[in-house]
Amino acid sequence: MFIKPDYNIKNIYEINLEDLKNQGVKALLFDLDSTLMGSKTGCYTPKTLAWLENVKKDFFVGVVSNNKNPDYIRKVTDCSDFPVVFGACKPDIKVATNFMKEYNLLPETTVFVGDRPLTDIICGKRLGCKTILVDSITAEIEK
């Protein structure tokens, strides 16, 4: 099935970075809201920032977001020290393809991580990337 992710895990913190590195993965592209930060919060938790610092030791990190709100974009850009692209219109791949070209990312060495099968996983699959589906990063407090 086209929507089936390559991996389905609880959250970003459970991504086996060593396994991905051993598979030749060089880049991780993330959805933003509910994947790396609570929906519409515009900021990363200290735990997420520390985790991302660790990820950046071995991987290119980028964000592909559908969000188009200028104030929100400014807020996220101010607290992100890695490339972020907005208005992606996932599952359309035009914006993500251009982003990957801009940073010389190859689909076969890139993993697309997100919390929504119909946008993130389909986009990643259409790009030719491996995909990881995660639950919302705030799932524990949403119950």
Foldseek 3Di string as FASTA:
>chain_A
DQLDAPAEEAAPVPPPLVVLVVQQAAAEEEEPDLHQDDHPPLAGDPVSVVVVVVSVVRHQYEYEYLDDDPVSVVSNVVHDPHYYDYNCPFVDQPVVVVVCVVVVHQQDNYEFEYADSRGRSNNSVVSNHHYYHHGGPCVVVVD
